[in-house]
Amino acid sequence: MFDFQKLEVYKKAKLFHLTCKDVILTRPLDQYVKDQLGRASFSVPLNIAEEFW
């Protein structure tokens, strides 16, 4: 396990991304909105992890 995976903020960011993924897959949204929401929610945990590299 990497150090950043132990951070509470990382765990919450990952949960946020998974929640957004669920919304993307289950709600009738425009493709543009799905794309933006997916990429934006994924960038949060990636940015947290990047800080530790």
N, C-alpha and C. Protein backbone atom coordinates (compact mmCIF):
# COMPACT_ATOMS: atom_id res chain seq x y z
N MET A 1 0.85 -1.18 0.00
CA MET A 1 0.00 0.00 0.00
C MET A 1 0.89 1.24 0.00
N PHE A 2 0.58 2.18 -0.88
CA PHE A 2 1.31 3.44 -0.94
C PHE A 2 0.86 4.36 0.19
N ASP A 3 1.71 5.29 0.57
CA ASP A 3 1.40 6.20 1.68
C ASP A 3 0.14 7.01 1.43
N PHE A 4 -0.06 7.48 0.20
CA PHE A 4 -1.22 8.33 -0.07
C PHE A 4 -2.54 7.56 0.09
N GLN A 5 -2.51 6.24 -0.04
CA GLN A 5 -3.72 5.44 0.09
C GLN A 5 -4.23 5.38 1.53
N LYS A 6 -3.39 5.77 2.46
CA LYS A 6 -3.78 5.79 3.87
C LYS A 6 -4.45 7.10 4.26
N LEU A 7 -4.36 8.11 3.42
CA LEU A 7 -4.94 9.41 3.73
C LEU A 7 -6.46 9.38 3.64
N GLU A 8 -7.09 10.03 4.62
CA GLU A 8 -8.55 10.10 4.63
C GLU A 8 -9.08 10.87 3.41
N VAL A 9 -8.36 11.91 3.03
CA VAL A 9 -8.80 12.71 1.88
C VAL A 9 -8.74 11.89 0.59
N TYR A 10 -7.76 11.01 0.47
CA TYR A 10 -7.67 10.14 -0.70
C TYR A 10 -8.84 9.15 -0.72
N LYS A 11 -9.14 8.58 0.44
CA LYS A 11 -10.25 7.62 0.52
C LYS A 11 -11.57 8.28 0.14
N LYS A 12 -11.77 9.52 0.60
CA LYS A 12 -13.00 10.23 0.28
C LYS A 12 -13.05 10.62 -1.19
N ALA A 13 -11.91 10.98 -1.76
CA ALA A 13 -11.85 11.32 -3.18
C ALA A 13 -12.15 10.10 -4.04
N LYS A 14 -11.64 8.96 -3.63
CA LYS A 14 -11.90 7.72 -4.35
C LYS A 14 -13.39 7.35 -4.28
N LEU A 15 -13.97 7.51 -3.09
CA LEU A 15 -15.40 7.25 -2.93
C LEU A 15 -16.23 8.22 -3.77
N PHE A 16 -15.81 9.48 -3.83
CA PHE A 16 -16.49 10.46 -4.66
C PHE A 16 -16.46 10.04 -6.13
N HIS A 17 -15.31 9.58 -6.60
CA HIS A 17 -15.19 9.14 -7.99
C HIS A 17 -16.10 7.94 -8.26
N LEU A 18 -16.14 7.00 -7.33
CA LEU A 18 -17.00 5.82 -7.52
C LEU A 18 -18.47 6.21 -7.52
N THR A 19 -18.84 7.17 -6.70
CA THR A 19 -20.21 7.67 -6.69
C THR A 19 -20.55 8.34 -8.02
N CYS A 20 -19.62 9.14 -8.52
CA CYS A 20 -19.83 9.80 -9.81
C CYS A 20 -19.95 8.77 -10.93
N LYS A 21 -19.14 7.73 -10.86
CA LYS A 21 -19.22 6.67 -11.86
C LYS A 21 -20.59 6.02 -11.86
N ASP A 22 -21.13 5.80 -10.66
CA ASP A 22 -22.47 5.22 -10.54
C ASP A 22 -23.51 6.14 -11.16
N VAL A 23 -23.39 7.43 -10.92
CA VAL A 23 -24.31 8.40 -11.51
C VAL A 23 -24.21 8.38 -13.03
N ILE A 24 -22.99 8.34 -13.53
CA ILE A 24 -22.76 8.32 -14.98
C ILE A 24 -23.41 7.10 -15.63
N LEU A 25 -23.31 5.96 -14.96
CA LEU A 25 -23.82 4.72 -15.54
C LEU A 25 -25.33 4.55 -15.38
N THR A 26 -25.93 5.22 -14.42
CA THR A 26 -27.35 4.96 -14.15
C THR A 26 -28.29 6.11 -14.51
N ARG A 27 -27.77 7.28 -14.80
CA ARG A 27 -28.63 8.43 -15.08
C ARG A 27 -28.57 8.81 -16.56
N PRO A 28 -29.67 9.30 -17.08
CA PRO A 28 -29.67 9.75 -18.48
C PRO A 28 -29.06 11.15 -18.59
N LEU A 29 -27.78 11.21 -18.83
CA LEU A 29 -27.05 12.48 -18.97
C LEU A 29 -26.51 12.60 -20.38
N ASP A 30 -26.27 13.84 -20.80
CA ASP A 30 -25.61 14.05 -22.09
C ASP A 30 -24.22 13.44 -22.05
N GLN A 31 -23.75 13.01 -23.20
CA GLN A 31 -22.43 12.40 -23.27
C GLN A 31 -21.34 13.36 -22.79
N TYR A 32 -21.51 14.64 -23.12
CA TYR A 32 -20.53 15.65 -22.70
C TYR A 32 -20.46 15.73 -21.18
N VAL A 33 -21.61 15.72 -20.52
CA VAL A 33 -21.66 15.80 -19.06
C VAL A 33 -21.03 14.55 -18.45
N LYS A 34 -21.35 13.39 -19.00
CA LYS A 34 -20.75 12.15 -18.51
C LYS A 34 -19.24 12.19 -18.61
N ASP A 35 -18.74 12.64 -19.74
CA ASP A 35 -17.30 12.72 -19.96
C ASP A 35 -16.64 13.68 -18.97
N GLN A 36 -17.21 14.86 -18.83
CA GLN A 36 -16.64 15.86 -17.93
C GLN A 36 -16.66 15.39 -16.48
N LEU A 37 -17.79 14.84 -16.04
CA LEU A 37 -17.91 14.37 -14.67
C LEU A 37 -16.95 13.23 -14.39
N GLY A 38 -16.82 12.33 -15.32
CA GLY A 38 -15.90 11.20 -15.15
C GLY A 38 -14.45 11.64 -15.05
N ARG A 39 -14.06 12.52 -15.95
CA ARG A 39 -12.66 12.98 -15.94
C ARG A 39 -12.35 13.85 -14.73
N ALA A 40 -13.29 14.72 -14.37
CA ALA A 40 -13.06 15.62 -13.23
C ALA A 40 -12.99 14.83 -11.92
N SER A 41 -13.90 13.88 -11.73
CA SER A 41 -13.90 13.12 -10.49
C SER A 41 -12.68 12.20 -10.39
N PHE A 42 -12.17 11.75 -11.51
CA PHE A 42 -10.98 10.89 -11.51
C PHE A 42 -9.71 11.69 -11.25
N SER A 43 -9.72 12.96 -11.64
CA SER A 43 -8.52 13.77 -11.47
C SER A 43 -8.22 14.09 -10.01
N VAL A 44 -9.25 14.09 -9.15
CA VAL A 44 -9.04 14.43 -7.74
C VAL A 44 -8.12 13.40 -7.06
N PRO A 45 -8.46 12.10 -7.06
CA PRO A 45 -7.54 11.15 -6.42
C PRO A 45 -6.18 11.06 -7.14
N LEU A 46 -6.19 11.27 -8.45
CA LEU A 46 -4.91 11.26 -9.16
C LEU A 46 -4.00 12.40 -8.72
N ASN A 47 -4.57 13.58 -8.51
CA ASN A 47 -3.77 14.71 -8.06
C ASN A 47 -3.25 14.50 -6.64
N ILE A 48 -4.03 13.87 -5.80
CA ILE A 48 -3.57 13.57 -4.44
C ILE A 48 -2.40 12.59 -4.51
N ALA A 49 -2.54 11.56 -5.30
CA ALA A 49 -1.48 10.57 -5.43
C ALA A 49 -0.22 11.19 -6.05
N GLU A 50 -0.40 12.06 -7.00
CA GLU A 50 0.73 12.68 -7.68
C GLU A 50 1.58 13.51 -6.72
N GLU A 51 0.97 14.09 -5.73
CA GLU A 51 1.69 14.90 -4.75
C GLU A 51 2.72 14.07 -3.99
N PHE A 52 2.48 12.77 -3.86
CA PHE A 52 3.35 11.90 -3.08
C PHE A 52 4.45 11.25 -3.91
N TRP A 53 4.45 11.48 -5.22
CA TRP A 53 5.50 10.88 -6.05
C TRP A 53 6.65 11.76 -6.10
